[in-house]
Amino acid sequence: MKAKVHITLKRGVLDPQGKAVAHSLASLGFAGVTEVRQGKFIEIDLAETDPAKARTKLDEMCRKLLANTVIEDYAIELA
């Protein structure tokens, strides 16, 4: 089973990389970009076949290693 994990900073947490990207886009002439939030994307292949068990394992992986849950949110997508 393939999983996709999207990790982003929580709203209200300063995102200096996102601001730098937004500034660079404006400098390149891309008008109308009002905000950029930068994050991480991780693909994980699991041997698990039960979607509920896979989601439980992935949630634990995110809480223990992949995401800093104090300042980051994560979303899990199973394929």
PDB file of N, CA and C in Angstrom:
ATOM      1  N   MET A   1       0.847  -1.170   0.000  1.00  0.00           N
ATOM      2  CA  MET A   1       0.000   0.000   0.000  1.00  0.00           C
ATOM      3  C   MET A   1       0.895   1.236   0.000  1.00  0.00           C
ATOM      4  N   LYS A   2       0.546   2.201  -0.820  1.00  0.00           N
ATOM      5  CA  LYS A   2       1.318   3.436  -0.903  1.00  0.00           C
ATOM      6  C   LYS A   2       0.590   4.532  -0.122  1.00  0.00           C
ATOM      7  N   ALA A   3       1.361   5.270   0.636  1.00  0.00           N
ATOM      8  CA  ALA A   3       0.809   6.380   1.412  1.00  0.00           C
ATOM      9  C   ALA A   3       1.514   7.663   1.021  1.00  0.00           C
ATOM     10  N   LYS A   4       0.745   8.731   1.031  1.00  0.00           N
ATOM     11  CA  LYS A   4       1.291  10.071   0.804  1.00  0.00           C
ATOM     12  C   LYS A   4       1.008  10.884   2.056  1.00  0.00           C
ATOM     13  N   VAL A   5       2.045  11.515   2.587  1.00  0.00           N
ATOM     14  CA  VAL A   5       1.909  12.320   3.799  1.00  0.00           C
ATOM     15  C   VAL A   5       2.297  13.755   3.459  1.00  0.00           C
ATOM     16  N   HIS A   6       1.376  14.667   3.709  1.00  0.00           N
ATOM     17  CA  HIS A   6       1.616  16.095   3.492  1.00  0.00           C
ATOM     18  C   HIS A   6       1.777  16.752   4.864  1.00  0.00           C
ATOM     19  N   ILE A   7       2.899  17.426   5.063  1.00  0.00           N
ATOM     20  CA  ILE A   7       3.183  18.073   6.341  1.00  0.00           C
ATOM     21  C   ILE A   7       3.353  19.564   6.094  1.00  0.00           C
ATOM     22  N   THR A   8       2.593  20.367   6.810  1.00  0.00           N
ATOM     23  CA  THR A   8       2.662  21.822   6.664  1.00  0.00           C
ATOM     24  C   THR A   8       2.694  22.473   8.039  1.00  0.00           C
ATOM     25  N   LEU A   9       3.195  23.685   8.073  1.00  0.00           N
ATOM     26  CA  LEU A   9       3.178  24.439   9.322  1.00  0.00           C
ATOM     27  C   LEU A   9       1.745  24.799   9.673  1.00  0.00           C
ATOM     28  N   LYS A  10       1.432  24.807  10.947  1.00  0.00           N
ATOM     29  CA  LYS A  10       0.106  25.200  11.398  1.00  0.00           C
ATOM     30  C   LYS A  10      -0.115  26.675  11.096  1.00  0.00           C
ATOM     31  N   ARG A  11      -1.369  27.037  10.904  1.00  0.00           N
ATOM     32  CA  ARG A  11      -1.720  28.446  10.718  1.00  0.00           C
ATOM     33  C   ARG A  11      -1.260  29.216  11.951  1.00  0.00           C
ATOM     34  N   GLY A  12      -0.730  30.385  11.743  1.00  0.00           N
ATOM     35  CA  GLY A  12      -0.241  31.194  12.847  1.00  0.00           C
ATOM     36  C   GLY A  12       1.233  30.997  13.139  1.00  0.00           C
ATOM     37  N   VAL A  13       1.843  29.944  12.578  1.00  0.00           N
ATOM     38  CA  VAL A  13       3.277  29.722  12.753  1.00  0.00           C
ATOM     39  C   VAL A  13       3.994  30.434  11.606  1.00  0.00           C
ATOM     40  N   LEU A  14       4.963  31.244  11.945  1.00  0.00           N
ATOM     41  CA  LEU A  14       5.716  31.993  10.951  1.00  0.00           C
ATOM     42  C   LEU A  14       6.370  31.045   9.952  1.00  0.00           C
ATOM     43  N   ASP A  15       6.239  31.340   8.650  1.00  0.00           N
ATOM     44  CA  ASP A  15       6.784  30.505   7.582  1.00  0.00           C
ATOM     45  C   ASP A  15       7.756  31.334   6.736  1.00  0.00           C
ATOM     46  N   PRO A  16       9.015  31.491   7.185  1.00  0.00           N
ATOM     47  CA  PRO A  16       9.963  32.328   6.449  1.00  0.00           C
ATOM     48  C   PRO A  16      10.268  31.793   5.049  1.00  0.00           C
ATOM     49  N   GLN A  17      10.281  30.480   4.859  1.00  0.00           N
ATOM     50  CA  GLN A  17      10.524  29.933   3.519  1.00  0.00           C
ATOM     51  C   GLN A  17       9.367  30.266   2.590  1.00  0.00           C
ATOM     52  N   GLY A  18       8.157  30.166   3.089  1.00  0.00           N
ATOM     53  CA  GLY A  18       6.989  30.535   2.290  1.00  0.00           C
ATOM     54  C   GLY A  18       7.026  32.001   1.899  1.00  0.00           C
ATOM     55  N   LYS A  19       7.411  32.859   2.841  1.00  0.00           N
ATOM     56  CA  LYS A  19       7.519  34.291   2.537  1.00  0.00           C
ATOM     57  C   LYS A  19       8.589  34.563   1.492  1.00  0.00           C
ATOM     58  N   ALA A  20       9.717  33.847   1.575  1.00  0.00           N
ATOM     59  CA  ALA A  20      10.793  34.016   0.587  1.00  0.00           C
ATOM     60  C   ALA A  20      10.326  33.583  -0.798  1.00  0.00           C
ATOM     61  N   VAL A  21       9.579  32.486  -0.866  1.00  0.00           N
ATOM     62  CA  VAL A  21       9.060  32.025  -2.156  1.00  0.00           C
ATOM     63  C   VAL A  21       8.065  33.045  -2.713  1.00  0.00           C
ATOM     64  N   ALA A  22       7.175  33.555  -1.871  1.00  0.00           N
ATOM     65  CA  ALA A  22       6.205  34.558  -2.313  1.00  0.00           C
ATOM     66  C   ALA A  22       6.908  35.798  -2.841  1.00  0.00           C
ATOM     67  N   HIS A  23       7.940  36.238  -2.133  1.00  0.00           N
ATOM     68  CA  HIS A  23       8.706  37.416  -2.563  1.00  0.00           C
ATOM     69  C   HIS A  23       9.387  37.148  -3.910  1.00  0.00           C
ATOM     70  N   SER A  24       9.981  35.985  -4.065  1.00  0.00           N
ATOM     71  CA  SER A  24      10.655  35.633  -5.315  1.00  0.00           C
ATOM     72  C   SER A  24       9.670  35.559  -6.478  1.00  0.00           C
ATOM     73  N   LEU A  25       8.505  35.002  -6.233  1.00  0.00           N
ATOM     74  CA  LEU A  25       7.489  34.945  -7.290  1.00  0.00           C
ATOM     75  C   LEU A  25       7.082  36.348  -7.733  1.00  0.00           C
ATOM     76  N   ALA A  26       6.901  37.240  -6.757  1.00  0.00           N
ATOM     77  CA  ALA A  26       6.557  38.625  -7.093  1.00  0.00           C
ATOM     78  C   ALA A  26       7.683  39.281  -7.885  1.00  0.00           C
ATOM     79  N   SER A  27       8.931  39.016  -7.507  1.00  0.00           N
ATOM     80  CA  SER A  27      10.081  39.575  -8.221  1.00  0.00           C
ATOM     81  C   SER A  27      10.166  39.075  -9.655  1.00  0.00           C
ATOM     82  N   LEU A  28       9.656  37.869  -9.888  1.00  0.00           N
ATOM     83  CA  LEU A  28       9.673  37.296 -11.235  1.00  0.00           C
ATOM     84  C   LEU A  28       8.460  37.716 -12.062  1.00  0.00           C
ATOM     85  N   GLY A  29       7.612  38.551 -11.479  1.00  0.00           N
ATOM     86  CA  GLY A  29       6.477  39.080 -12.220  1.00  0.00           C
ATOM     87  C   GLY A  29       5.179  38.305 -12.052  1.00  0.00           C
ATOM     88  N   PHE A  30       5.133  37.374 -11.135  1.00  0.00           N
ATOM     89  CA  PHE A  30       3.901  36.627 -10.896  1.00  0.00           C
ATOM     90  C   PHE A  30       3.040  37.405  -9.900  1.00  0.00           C
ATOM     91  N   ALA A  31       2.148  38.220 -10.430  1.00  0.00           N
ATOM     92  CA  ALA A  31       1.287  39.066  -9.600  1.00  0.00           C
ATOM     93  C   ALA A  31       0.131  38.244  -9.032  1.00  0.00           C
ATOM     94  N   GLY A  32      -0.407  38.700  -7.936  1.00  0.00           N
ATOM     95  CA  GLY A  32      -1.599  38.092  -7.368  1.00  0.00           C
ATOM     96  C   GLY A  32      -1.344  36.957  -6.393  1.00  0.00           C
ATOM     97  N   VAL A  33      -0.092  36.637  -6.122  1.00  0.00           N
ATOM     98  CA  VAL A  33       0.198  35.604  -5.117  1.00  0.00           C
ATOM     99  C   VAL A  33       0.124  36.284  -3.755  1.00  0.00           C
ATOM    100  N   THR A  34      -0.869  35.897  -2.965  1.00  0.00           N
ATOM    101  CA  THR A  34      -1.066  36.582  -1.685  1.00  0.00           C
ATOM    102  C   THR A  34      -0.403  35.868  -0.515  1.00  0.00           C
ATOM    103  N   GLU A  35      -0.223  34.544  -0.634  1.00  0.00           N
ATOM    104  CA  GLU A  35       0.429  33.812   0.453  1.00  0.00           C
ATOM    105  C   GLU A  35       0.999  32.501  -0.091  1.00  0.00           C
ATOM    106  N   VAL A  36       2.136  32.095   0.437  1.00  0.00           N
ATOM    107  CA  VAL A  36       2.737  30.805   0.113  1.00  0.00           C
ATOM    108  C   VAL A  36       3.052  30.116   1.430  1.00  0.00           C
ATOM    109  N   ARG A  37       2.618  28.868   1.560  1.00  0.00           N
ATOM    110  CA  ARG A  37       2.942  28.052   2.724  1.00  0.00           C
ATOM    111  C   ARG A  37       3.784  26.894   2.226  1.00  0.00           C
ATOM    112  N   GLN A  38       4.944  26.711   2.784  1.00  0.00           N
ATOM    113  CA  GLN A  38       5.885  25.678   2.383  1.00  0.00           C
ATOM    114  C   GLN A  38       5.709  24.479   3.292  1.00  0.00           C
ATOM    115  N   GLY A  39       5.923  23.277   2.770  1.00  0.00           N
ATOM    116  CA  GLY A  39       5.788  22.088   3.582  1.00  0.00           C
ATOM    117  C   GLY A  39       6.619  20.938   3.052  1.00  0.00           C
ATOM    118  N   LYS A  40       6.303  19.739   3.528  1.00  0.00           N
ATOM    119  CA  LYS A  40       7.012  18.527   3.114  1.00  0.00           C
ATOM    120  C   LYS A  40       6.003  17.537   2.541  1.00  0.00           C
ATOM    121  N   PHE A  41       6.479  16.723   1.601  1.00  0.00           N
ATOM    122  CA  PHE A  41       5.679  15.655   1.016  1.00  0.00           C
ATOM    123  C   PHE A  41       6.500  14.377   1.105  1.00  0.00           C
ATOM    124  N   ILE A  42       5.926  13.338   1.706  1.00  0.00           N
ATOM    125  CA  ILE A  42       6.647  12.080   1.905  1.00  0.00           C
ATOM    126  C   ILE A  42       5.789  10.942   1.353  1.00  0.00           C
ATOM    127  N   GLU A  43       6.389  10.088   0.522  1.00  0.00           N
ATOM    128  CA  GLU A  43       5.720   8.881   0.036  1.00  0.00           C
ATOM    129  C   GLU A  43       6.289   7.684   0.788  1.00  0.00           C
ATOM    130  N   ILE A  44       5.407   6.819   1.252  1.00  0.00           N
ATOM    131  CA  ILE A  44       5.816   5.645   2.019  1.00  0.00           C
ATOM    132  C   ILE A  44       5.110   4.426   1.444  1.00  0.00           C
ATOM    133  N   ASP A  45       5.870   3.381   1.151  1.00  0.00           N
ATOM    134  CA  ASP A  45       5.296   2.099   0.740  1.00  0.00           C
ATOM    135  C   ASP A  45       5.216   1.202   1.967  1.00  0.00           C
ATOM    136  N   LEU A  46       4.033   0.683   2.216  1.00  0.00           N
ATOM    137  CA  LEU A  46       3.803  -0.194   3.366  1.00  0.00           C
ATOM    138  C   LEU A  46       3.404  -1.589   2.901  1.00  0.00           C
ATOM    139  N   ALA A  47       3.816  -2.605   3.640  1.00  0.00           N
ATOM    140  CA  ALA A  47       3.411  -3.976   3.349  1.00  0.00           C
ATOM    141  C   ALA A  47       1.984  -4.241   3.843  1.00  0.00           C
ATOM    142  N   GLU A  48       1.448  -3.340   4.636  1.00  0.00           N
ATOM    143  CA  GLU A  48       0.105  -3.497   5.217  1.00  0.00           C
ATOM    144  C   GLU A  48      -0.966  -3.462   4.127  1.00  0.00           C
ATOM    145  N   THR A  49      -1.970  -4.346   4.247  1.00  0.00           N
ATOM    146  CA  THR A  49      -3.066  -4.373   3.274  1.00  0.00           C
ATOM    147  C   THR A  49      -4.376  -3.824   3.850  1.00  0.00           C
ATOM    148  N   ASP A  50      -4.463  -3.732   5.154  1.00  0.00           N
ATOM    149  CA  ASP A  50      -5.662  -3.199   5.808  1.00  0.00           C
ATOM    150  C   ASP A  50      -5.522  -1.679   5.932  1.00  0.00           C
ATOM    151  N   PRO A  51      -6.398  -0.918   5.254  1.00  0.00           N
ATOM    152  CA  PRO A  51      -6.284   0.550   5.291  1.00  0.00           C
ATOM    153  C   PRO A  51      -6.353   1.139   6.703  1.00  0.00           C
ATOM    154  N   ALA A  52      -7.174   0.580   7.563  1.00  0.00           N
ATOM    155  CA  ALA A  52      -7.293   1.106   8.933  1.00  0.00           C
ATOM    156  C   ALA A  52      -5.990   0.901   9.709  1.00  0.00           C
ATOM    157  N   LYS A  53      -5.398  -0.270   9.584  1.00  0.00           N
ATOM    158  CA  LYS A  53      -4.122  -0.531  10.257  1.00  0.00           C
ATOM    159  C   LYS A  53      -3.014   0.337   9.675  1.00  0.00           C
ATOM    160  N   ALA A  54      -3.028   0.515   8.359  1.00  0.00           N
ATOM    161  CA  ALA A  54      -2.020   1.351   7.710  1.00  0.00           C
ATOM    162  C   ALA A  54      -2.121   2.780   8.212  1.00  0.00           C
ATOM    163  N   ARG A  55      -3.340   3.302   8.287  1.00  0.00           N
ATOM    164  CA  ARG A  55      -3.535   4.689   8.755  1.00  0.00           C
ATOM    165  C   ARG A  55      -3.072   4.833  10.204  1.00  0.00           C
ATOM    166  N   THR A  56      -3.340   3.824  11.037  1.00  0.00           N
ATOM    167  CA  THR A  56      -2.898   3.861  12.433  1.00  0.00           C
ATOM    168  C   THR A  56      -1.373   3.899  12.507  1.00  0.00           C
ATOM    169  N   LYS A  57      -0.708   3.046  11.726  1.00  0.00           N
ATOM    170  CA  LYS A  57       0.761   3.037  11.706  1.00  0.00           C
ATOM    171  C   LYS A  57       1.318   4.364  11.209  1.00  0.00           C
ATOM    172  N   LEU A  58       0.725   4.904  10.145  1.00  0.00           N
ATOM    173  CA  LEU A  58       1.198   6.171   9.586  1.00  0.00           C
ATOM    174  C   LEU A  58       0.990   7.318  10.566  1.00  0.00           C
ATOM    175  N   ASP A  59      -0.132   7.304  11.262  1.00  0.00           N
ATOM    176  CA  ASP A  59      -0.387   8.339  12.259  1.00  0.00           C
ATOM    177  C   ASP A  59       0.682   8.301  13.349  1.00  0.00           C
ATOM    178  N   GLU A  60       1.037   7.102  13.777  1.00  0.00           N
ATOM    179  CA  GLU A  60       2.085   6.953  14.788  1.00  0.00           C
ATOM    180  C   GLU A  60       3.438   7.425  14.257  1.00  0.00           C
ATOM    181  N   MET A  61       3.740   7.092  12.990  1.00  0.00           N
ATOM    182  CA  MET A  61       4.997   7.548  12.366  1.00  0.00           C
ATOM    183  C   MET A  61       5.064   9.069  12.346  1.00  0.00           C
ATOM    184  N   CYS A  62       3.946   9.688  11.993  1.00  0.00           N
ATOM    185  CA  CYS A  62       3.918  11.154  11.931  1.00  0.00           C
ATOM    186  C   CYS A  62       4.114  11.771  13.305  1.00  0.00           C
ATOM    187  N   ARG A  63       3.409  11.230  14.301  1.00  0.00           N
ATOM    188  CA  ARG A  63       3.510  11.791  15.653  1.00  0.00           C
ATOM    189  C   ARG A  63       4.880  11.584  16.280  1.00  0.00           C
ATOM    190  N   LYS A  64       5.546  10.457  15.951  1.00  0.00           N
ATOM    191  CA  LYS A  64       6.827  10.139  16.583  1.00  0.00           C
ATOM    192  C   LYS A  64       8.043  10.670  15.828  1.00  0.00           C
ATOM    193  N   LEU A  65       7.937  10.842  14.496  1.00  0.00           N
ATOM    194  CA  LEU A  65       9.131  11.197  13.743  1.00  0.00           C
ATOM    195  C   LEU A  65       8.908  12.209  12.620  1.00  0.00           C
ATOM    196  N   LEU A  66       7.927  11.977  11.797  1.00  0.00           N
ATOM    197  CA  LEU A  66       7.823  12.742  10.547  1.00  0.00           C
ATOM    198  C   LEU A  66       7.387  14.191  10.727  1.00  0.00           C
ATOM    199  N   ALA A  67       6.534  14.451  11.699  1.00  0.00           N
ATOM    200  CA  ALA A  67       6.014  15.809  11.902  1.00  0.00           C
ATOM    201  C   ALA A  67       6.276  16.270  13.328  1.00  0.00           C
ATOM    202  N   ASN A  68       6.541  17.548  13.461  1.00  0.00           N
ATOM    203  CA  ASN A  68       6.628  18.169  14.777  1.00  0.00           C
ATOM    204  C   ASN A  68       5.233  18.693  15.079  1.00  0.00           C
ATOM    205  N   THR A  69       4.449  17.910  15.806  1.00  0.00           N
ATOM    206  CA  THR A  69       3.035  18.232  15.980  1.00  0.00           C
ATOM    207  C   THR A  69       2.768  19.489  16.808  1.00  0.00           C
ATOM    208  N   VAL A  70       3.805  20.048  17.399  1.00  0.00           N
ATOM    209  CA  VAL A  70       3.638  21.313  18.115  1.00  0.00           C
ATOM    210  C   VAL A  70       3.417  22.444  17.106  1.00  0.00           C
ATOM    211  N   ILE A  71       4.129  22.400  15.976  1.00  0.00           N
ATOM    212  CA  ILE A  71       4.040  23.487  14.999  1.00  0.00           C
ATOM    213  C   ILE A  71       3.584  23.032  13.611  1.00  0.00           C
ATOM    214  N   GLU A  72       3.399  21.713  13.408  1.00  0.00           N
ATOM    215  CA  GLU A  72       3.039  21.214  12.088  1.00  0.00           C
ATOM    216  C   GLU A  72       1.763  20.376  12.126  1.00  0.00           C
ATOM    217  N   ASP A  73       1.012  20.463  11.031  1.00  0.00           N
ATOM    218  CA  ASP A  73      -0.137  19.591  10.790  1.00  0.00           C
ATOM    219  C   ASP A  73       0.274  18.578   9.733  1.00  0.00           C
ATOM    220  N   TYR A  74      -0.419  17.448   9.701  1.00  0.00           N
ATOM    221  CA  TYR A  74      -0.147  16.470   8.649  1.00  0.00           C
ATOM    222  C   TYR A  74      -1.454  15.866   8.154  1.00  0.00           C
ATOM    223  N   ALA A  75      -1.408  15.435   6.900  1.00  0.00           N
ATOM    224  CA  ALA A  75      -2.560  14.766   6.286  1.00  0.00           C
ATOM    225  C   ALA A  75      -2.062  13.511   5.610  1.00  0.00           C
ATOM    226  N   ILE A  76      -2.774  12.417   5.810  1.00  0.00           N
ATOM    227  CA  ILE A  76      -2.396  11.122   5.265  1.00  0.00           C
ATOM    228  C   ILE A  76      -3.365  10.745   4.151  1.00  0.00           C
ATOM    229  N   GLU A  77      -2.799  10.310   3.030  1.00  0.00           N
ATOM    230  CA  GLU A  77      -3.591   9.870   1.886  1.00  0.00           C
ATOM    231  C   GLU A  77      -3.135   8.468   1.517  1.00  0.00           C
ATOM    232  N   LEU A  78      -4.060   7.534   1.472  1.00  0.00           N
ATOM    233  CA  LEU A  78      -3.728   6.146   1.117  1.00  0.00           C
ATOM    234  C   LEU A  78      -4.139   5.859  -0.323  1.00  0.00           C
ATOM    235  N   ALA A  79      -3.287   5.107  -1.024  1.00  0.00           N
ATOM    236  CA  ALA A  79      -3.606   4.739  -2.413  1.00  0.00           C
ATOM    237  C   ALA A  79      -3.543   3.247  -2.584  1.00  0.00           C
TER     238      ALA A  79
END
